[in-house]
Amino acid sequence: MRTTNTLVALGWAAWIVLATPLAWAGGDHGEAPASSAGPTSPLFAATSETFELVGVVNGKQLTLYLDRYADGSPVKNARLELELGGVKVPVEAHAEGEFEATLAQELKPGVVSVVATVIAGEETDLLAGELDIHEEAHGETSAHTHGWKEYALWGGAAGGALLLLAALLRRLRASRNPHFGGAA
């Protein structure tokens, strides 16, 4: 019975050793986002009651996705006219609801107005939005850094767990070596 209690205590001690640093470090960080290899591409969305347009900027390349607002299905046989910051940008259809454009130059940091005219059969709609371009931060490669306080907490947790483990081992040894005493 005593050995079972000791094994249970050792199991709890092991759990504490493994769980405490994660809890004090801000929880489980999980897997890194898929886009953690580099900066995210700027994007915009412009919607109306009929259409939704999403644009993704990658350098001078602009990819546009045009869907029906109600069900998210690609808009068939649509024509798209686009202006960024008051400048007309030629757009080329590539697939149902997918368009591409090549910009004359990369967009500068700041807010750029987006105006799109959608013509799909008998439907015509004007969509407006904004594209917010941020200047890339140089030298930042990690989204999460560890400070000295975090390391101190980890060290304290590990030290406490080791003390608990040592006390449990001492108790285990004492239970295995019974003391025979008494006067004869």
C-alpha atoms as a PDB file:
ATOM      1  CA  MET A   1       0.000   0.000   0.000  1.00  0.00           C
ATOM      2  CA  ARG A   2       2.777   2.363   0.921  1.00  0.00           C
ATOM      3  CA  THR A   3       4.618   1.658  -2.366  1.00  0.00           C
ATOM      4  CA  THR A   4       1.437   2.416  -4.352  1.00  0.00           C
ATOM      5  CA  ASN A   5       1.024   5.755  -2.575  1.00  0.00           C
ATOM      6  CA  THR A   6       4.658   6.586  -3.269  1.00  0.00           C
ATOM      7  CA  LEU A   7       4.294   5.704  -6.968  1.00  0.00           C
ATOM      8  CA  VAL A   8       1.197   7.901  -7.215  1.00  0.00           C
ATOM      9  CA  ALA A   9       3.108  10.739  -5.549  1.00  0.00           C
ATOM     10  CA  LEU A  10       5.999  10.253  -7.988  1.00  0.00           C
ATOM     11  CA  GLY A  11       3.538  10.383 -10.893  1.00  0.00           C
ATOM     12  CA  TRP A  12       2.113  13.668  -9.617  1.00  0.00           C
ATOM     13  CA  ALA A  13       5.624  15.058  -9.131  1.00  0.00           C
ATOM     14  CA  ALA A  14       6.513  14.184 -12.731  1.00  0.00           C
ATOM     15  CA  TRP A  15       3.324  15.852 -13.964  1.00  0.00           C
ATOM     16  CA  ILE A  16       4.138  19.005 -11.980  1.00  0.00           C
ATOM     17  CA  VAL A  17       7.685  19.077 -13.380  1.00  0.00           C
ATOM     18  CA  LEU A  18       6.372  18.893 -16.941  1.00  0.00           C
ATOM     19  CA  ALA A  19       3.305  21.149 -16.604  1.00  0.00           C
ATOM     20  CA  THR A  20       4.532  24.028 -14.434  1.00  0.00           C
ATOM     21  CA  PRO A  21       7.017  25.634 -16.840  1.00  0.00           C
ATOM     22  CA  LEU A  22       4.384  25.651 -19.623  1.00  0.00           C
ATOM     23  CA  ALA A  23       1.812  27.271 -17.360  1.00  0.00           C
ATOM     24  CA  TRP A  24       4.196  29.976 -16.184  1.00  0.00           C
ATOM     25  CA  ALA A  25       5.543  30.583 -19.663  1.00  0.00           C
ATOM     26  CA  GLY A  26       2.154  31.704 -20.894  1.00  0.00           C
ATOM     27  CA  GLY A  27       0.613  28.338 -21.761  1.00  0.00           C
ATOM     28  CA  ASP A  28       1.084  26.062 -24.692  1.00  0.00           C
ATOM     29  CA  HIS A  29       2.412  28.045 -27.637  1.00  0.00           C
ATOM     30  CA  GLY A  30       1.166  25.411 -30.076  1.00  0.00           C
ATOM     31  CA  GLU A  31       2.482  25.177 -33.595  1.00  0.00           C
ATOM     32  CA  ALA A  32       3.824  28.263 -35.319  1.00  0.00           C
ATOM     33  CA  PRO A  33       1.486  29.798 -37.888  1.00  0.00           C
ATOM     34  CA  ALA A  34       2.053  28.634 -41.446  1.00  0.00           C
ATOM     35  CA  SER A  35       3.084  32.143 -42.491  1.00  0.00           C
ATOM     36  CA  SER A  36       5.758  32.537 -39.796  1.00  0.00           C
ATOM     37  CA  ALA A  37       8.552  32.189 -42.368  1.00  0.00           C
ATOM     38  CA  GLY A  38       8.119  35.791 -43.486  1.00  0.00           C
ATOM     39  CA  PRO A  39       5.937  38.857 -43.311  1.00  0.00           C
ATOM     40  CA  THR A  40       2.272  38.467 -44.173  1.00  0.00           C
ATOM     41  CA  SER A  41       0.977  39.861 -47.442  1.00  0.00           C
ATOM     42  CA  PRO A  42      -1.203  42.967 -47.179  1.00  0.00           C
ATOM     43  CA  LEU A  43      -4.826  42.355 -48.074  1.00  0.00           C
ATOM     44  CA  PHE A  44      -8.121  44.184 -48.320  1.00  0.00           C
ATOM     45  CA  ALA A  45     -11.801  43.330 -48.469  1.00  0.00           C
ATOM     46  CA  ALA A  46     -14.608  45.309 -50.046  1.00  0.00           C
ATOM     47  CA  THR A  47     -18.226  44.155 -49.784  1.00  0.00           C
ATOM     48  CA  SER A  48     -21.727  45.067 -50.840  1.00  0.00           C
ATOM     49  CA  GLU A  49     -25.071  43.298 -50.448  1.00  0.00           C
ATOM     50  CA  THR A  50     -24.277  41.305 -53.605  1.00  0.00           C
ATOM     51  CA  PHE A  51     -20.497  40.856 -53.907  1.00  0.00           C
ATOM     52  CA  GLU A  52     -17.369  40.433 -51.825  1.00  0.00           C
ATOM     53  CA  LEU A  53     -13.923  41.253 -53.210  1.00  0.00           C
ATOM     54  CA  VAL A  54     -10.713  40.232 -51.440  1.00  0.00           C
ATOM     55  CA  GLY A  55      -7.318  41.347 -52.708  1.00  0.00           C
ATOM     56  CA  VAL A  56      -3.880  40.058 -51.711  1.00  0.00           C
ATOM     57  CA  VAL A  57      -0.763  42.087 -52.512  1.00  0.00           C
ATOM     58  CA  ASN A  58       2.563  40.321 -52.974  1.00  0.00           C
ATOM     59  CA  GLY A  59       5.141  42.863 -54.138  1.00  0.00           C
ATOM     60  CA  LYS A  60       3.912  44.074 -57.522  1.00  0.00           C
ATOM     61  CA  GLN A  61       1.464  41.172 -57.916  1.00  0.00           C
ATOM     62  CA  LEU A  62      -2.177  41.608 -56.895  1.00  0.00           C
ATOM     63  CA  THR A  63      -4.514  38.610 -56.724  1.00  0.00           C
ATOM     64  CA  LEU A  64      -8.249  39.311 -56.455  1.00  0.00           C
ATOM     65  CA  TYR A  65     -11.060  36.956 -55.440  1.00  0.00           C
ATOM     66  CA  LEU A  66     -14.657  37.925 -56.275  1.00  0.00           C
ATOM     67  CA  ASP A  67     -17.452  35.962 -54.576  1.00  0.00           C
ATOM     68  CA  ARG A  68     -21.190  36.248 -54.037  1.00  0.00           C
ATOM     69  CA  TYR A  69     -21.741  37.773 -50.608  1.00  0.00           C
ATOM     70  CA  ALA A  70     -24.704  35.502 -49.779  1.00  0.00           C
ATOM     71  CA  ASP A  71     -23.014  32.111 -50.242  1.00  0.00           C
ATOM     72  CA  GLY A  72     -19.307  32.712 -50.968  1.00  0.00           C
ATOM     73  CA  SER A  73     -19.472  31.148 -54.430  1.00  0.00           C
ATOM     74  CA  PRO A  74     -17.179  32.562 -57.145  1.00  0.00           C
ATOM     75  CA  VAL A  75     -18.837  35.074 -59.468  1.00  0.00           C
ATOM     76  CA  LYS A  76     -19.117  33.599 -62.973  1.00  0.00           C
ATOM     77  CA  ASN A  77     -18.449  35.627 -66.134  1.00  0.00           C
ATOM     78  CA  ALA A  78     -17.596  38.800 -64.228  1.00  0.00           C
ATOM     79  CA  ARG A  79     -15.632  41.802 -65.371  1.00  0.00           C
ATOM     80  CA  LEU A  80     -13.701  43.849 -62.844  1.00  0.00           C
ATOM     81  CA  GLU A  81     -12.404  47.418 -63.034  1.00  0.00           C
ATOM     82  CA  LEU A  82     -10.043  48.476 -60.245  1.00  0.00           C
ATOM     83  CA  GLU A  83      -8.563  51.704 -58.892  1.00  0.00           C
ATOM     84  CA  LEU A  84      -5.906  51.849 -56.164  1.00  0.00           C
ATOM     85  CA  GLY A  85      -5.322  55.293 -54.710  1.00  0.00           C
ATOM     86  CA  GLY A  86      -7.136  56.869 -57.674  1.00  0.00           C
ATOM     87  CA  VAL A  87      -4.963  55.056 -60.259  1.00  0.00           C
ATOM     88  CA  LYS A  88      -6.623  52.592 -62.644  1.00  0.00           C
ATOM     89  CA  VAL A  89      -5.056  49.149 -62.530  1.00  0.00           C
ATOM     90  CA  PRO A  90      -5.585  46.748 -65.452  1.00  0.00           C
ATOM     91  CA  VAL A  91      -7.114  43.485 -64.214  1.00  0.00           C
ATOM     92  CA  GLU A  92      -7.051  40.134 -65.997  1.00  0.00           C
ATOM     93  CA  ALA A  93      -9.470  37.251 -65.303  1.00  0.00           C
ATOM     94  CA  HIS A  94      -7.761  33.912 -64.596  1.00  0.00           C
ATOM     95  CA  ALA A  95     -10.538  31.642 -63.341  1.00  0.00           C
ATOM     96  CA  GLU A  96     -14.112  31.899 -62.107  1.00  0.00           C
ATOM     97  CA  GLY A  97     -14.044  34.699 -59.542  1.00  0.00           C
ATOM     98  CA  GLU A  98     -10.230  35.021 -59.683  1.00  0.00           C
ATOM     99  CA  PHE A  99      -8.338  37.952 -61.159  1.00  0.00           C
ATOM    100  CA  GLU A 100      -4.738  39.135 -61.274  1.00  0.00           C
ATOM    101  CA  ALA A 101      -3.034  42.441 -61.817  1.00  0.00           C
ATOM    102  CA  THR A 102       0.553  43.624 -62.020  1.00  0.00           C
ATOM    103  CA  LEU A 103       1.231  46.974 -60.388  1.00  0.00           C
ATOM    104  CA  ALA A 104       3.598  49.483 -62.011  1.00  0.00           C
ATOM    105  CA  GLN A 105       5.475  49.714 -58.694  1.00  0.00           C
ATOM    106  CA  GLU A 106       5.183  48.284 -55.200  1.00  0.00           C
ATOM    107  CA  LEU A 107       2.752  50.145 -52.966  1.00  0.00           C
ATOM    108  CA  LYS A 108       4.267  52.475 -50.406  1.00  0.00           C
ATOM    109  CA  PRO A 109       3.415  52.188 -46.680  1.00  0.00           C
ATOM    110  CA  GLY A 110       0.167  53.887 -45.721  1.00  0.00           C
ATOM    111  CA  VAL A 111      -3.543  53.626 -46.418  1.00  0.00           C
ATOM    112  CA  VAL A 112      -4.561  53.215 -50.069  1.00  0.00           C
ATOM    113  CA  SER A 113      -8.175  53.609 -51.192  1.00  0.00           C
ATOM    114  CA  VAL A 114      -9.618  50.734 -53.222  1.00  0.00           C
ATOM    115  CA  VAL A 115     -12.541  51.163 -55.620  1.00  0.00           C
ATOM    116  CA  ALA A 116     -13.796  48.270 -57.750  1.00  0.00           C
ATOM    117  CA  THR A 117     -16.590  48.140 -60.301  1.00  0.00           C
ATOM    118  CA  VAL A 118     -18.083  44.684 -60.748  1.00  0.00           C
ATOM    119  CA  ILE A 119     -20.052  43.845 -63.893  1.00  0.00           C
ATOM    120  CA  ALA A 120     -21.620  40.359 -63.878  1.00  0.00           C
ATOM    121  CA  GLY A 121     -24.326  39.879 -66.493  1.00  0.00           C
ATOM    122  CA  GLU A 122     -27.130  42.345 -65.676  1.00  0.00           C
ATOM    123  CA  GLU A 123     -25.642  43.167 -62.246  1.00  0.00           C
ATOM    124  CA  THR A 124     -23.331  46.115 -61.704  1.00  0.00           C
ATOM    125  CA  ASP A 125     -21.968  47.124 -58.309  1.00  0.00           C
ATOM    126  CA  LEU A 126     -19.424  49.549 -56.886  1.00  0.00           C
ATOM    127  CA  LEU A 127     -17.250  48.240 -54.039  1.00  0.00           C
ATOM    128  CA  ALA A 128     -15.016  50.411 -51.865  1.00  0.00           C
ATOM    129  CA  GLY A 129     -12.418  49.601 -49.242  1.00  0.00           C
ATOM    130  CA  GLU A 130      -8.969  50.449 -47.941  1.00  0.00           C
ATOM    131  CA  LEU A 131      -5.627  48.726 -48.104  1.00  0.00           C
ATOM    132  CA  ASP A 132      -3.378  49.421 -45.115  1.00  0.00           C
ATOM    133  CA  ILE A 133       0.292  48.778 -45.966  1.00  0.00           C
ATOM    134  CA  HIS A 134       2.707  48.648 -43.017  1.00  0.00           C
ATOM    135  CA  GLU A 135       6.434  49.174 -43.291  1.00  0.00           C
ATOM    136  CA  GLU A 136       8.292  45.917 -42.666  1.00  0.00           C
ATOM    137  CA  ALA A 137      10.233  45.774 -39.424  1.00  0.00           C
ATOM    138  CA  HIS A 138      13.862  44.858 -40.119  1.00  0.00           C
ATOM    139  CA  GLY A 139      15.681  42.374 -37.951  1.00  0.00           C
ATOM    140  CA  GLU A 140      12.541  40.931 -36.350  1.00  0.00           C
ATOM    141  CA  THR A 141      12.429  37.226 -37.001  1.00  0.00           C
ATOM    142  CA  SER A 142      10.653  35.887 -33.924  1.00  0.00           C
ATOM    143  CA  ALA A 143       7.167  36.771 -32.777  1.00  0.00           C
ATOM    144  CA  HIS A 144       7.861  35.465 -29.263  1.00  0.00           C
ATOM    145  CA  THR A 145      10.960  36.147 -27.198  1.00  0.00           C
ATOM    146  CA  HIS A 146      11.898  34.912 -23.743  1.00  0.00           C
ATOM    147  CA  GLY A 147      12.915  37.404 -21.042  1.00  0.00           C
ATOM    148  CA  TRP A 148      14.898  36.825 -17.863  1.00  0.00           C
ATOM    149  CA  LYS A 149      11.735  36.710 -15.728  1.00  0.00           C
ATOM    150  CA  GLU A 150      10.400  33.809 -17.742  1.00  0.00           C
ATOM    151  CA  TYR A 151      13.670  31.898 -17.356  1.00  0.00           C
ATOM    152  CA  ALA A 152      13.665  32.641 -13.598  1.00  0.00           C
ATOM    153  CA  LEU A 153      10.162  31.211 -13.307  1.00  0.00           C
ATOM    154  CA  TRP A 154      11.171  28.097 -15.228  1.00  0.00           C
ATOM    155  CA  GLY A 155      14.243  27.670 -13.008  1.00  0.00           C
ATOM    156  CA  GLY A 156      12.186  28.149  -9.832  1.00  0.00           C
ATOM    157  CA  ALA A 157       9.614  25.621 -10.990  1.00  0.00           C
ATOM    158  CA  ALA A 158      12.301  23.098 -11.855  1.00  0.00           C
ATOM    159  CA  GLY A 159      14.062  23.633  -8.494  1.00  0.00           C
ATOM    160  CA  GLY A 160      10.801  23.203  -6.576  1.00  0.00           C
ATOM    161  CA  ALA A 161       9.974  20.067  -8.515  1.00  0.00           C
ATOM    162  CA  LEU A 162      13.439  18.633  -7.796  1.00  0.00           C
ATOM    163  CA  LEU A 163      13.004  19.303  -4.053  1.00  0.00           C
ATOM    164  CA  LEU A 164       9.627  17.562  -4.138  1.00  0.00           C
ATOM    165  CA  LEU A 165      11.118  14.608  -6.002  1.00  0.00           C
ATOM    166  CA  ALA A 166      14.012  14.346  -3.518  1.00  0.00           C
ATOM    167  CA  ALA A 167      11.572  14.324  -0.568  1.00  0.00           C
ATOM    168  CA  LEU A 168       9.497  11.608  -2.228  1.00  0.00           C
ATOM    169  CA  LEU A 169      12.576   9.469  -2.922  1.00  0.00           C
ATOM    170  CA  ARG A 170      13.684   9.834   0.714  1.00  0.00           C
ATOM    171  CA  ARG A 171      10.239   8.672   1.804  1.00  0.00           C
ATOM    172  CA  LEU A 172      10.411   5.716  -0.610  1.00  0.00           C
ATOM    173  CA  ARG A 173      13.800   4.649   0.773  1.00  0.00           C
ATOM    174  CA  ALA A 174      12.559   4.946   4.337  1.00  0.00           C
ATOM    175  CA  SER A 175       9.566   2.718   3.563  1.00  0.00           C
ATOM    176  CA  ARG A 176      11.825   0.024   2.074  1.00  0.00           C
ATOM    177  CA  ASN A 177      14.181  -0.102   5.096  1.00  0.00           C
ATOM    178  CA  PRO A 178      11.929  -0.732   8.070  1.00  0.00           C
ATOM    179  CA  HIS A 179      13.513  -0.015  11.402  1.00  0.00           C
ATOM    180  CA  PHE A 180      13.413  -2.869  13.848  1.00  0.00           C
ATOM    181  CA  GLY A 181      13.696  -1.606  17.295  1.00  0.00           C
ATOM    182  CA  GLY A 182      12.774  -2.305  20.783  1.00  0.00           C
ATOM    183  CA  ALA A 183      14.538  -3.738  23.774  1.00  0.00           C
ATOM    184  CA  ALA A 184      15.003  -7.448  24.045  1.00  0.00           C
END
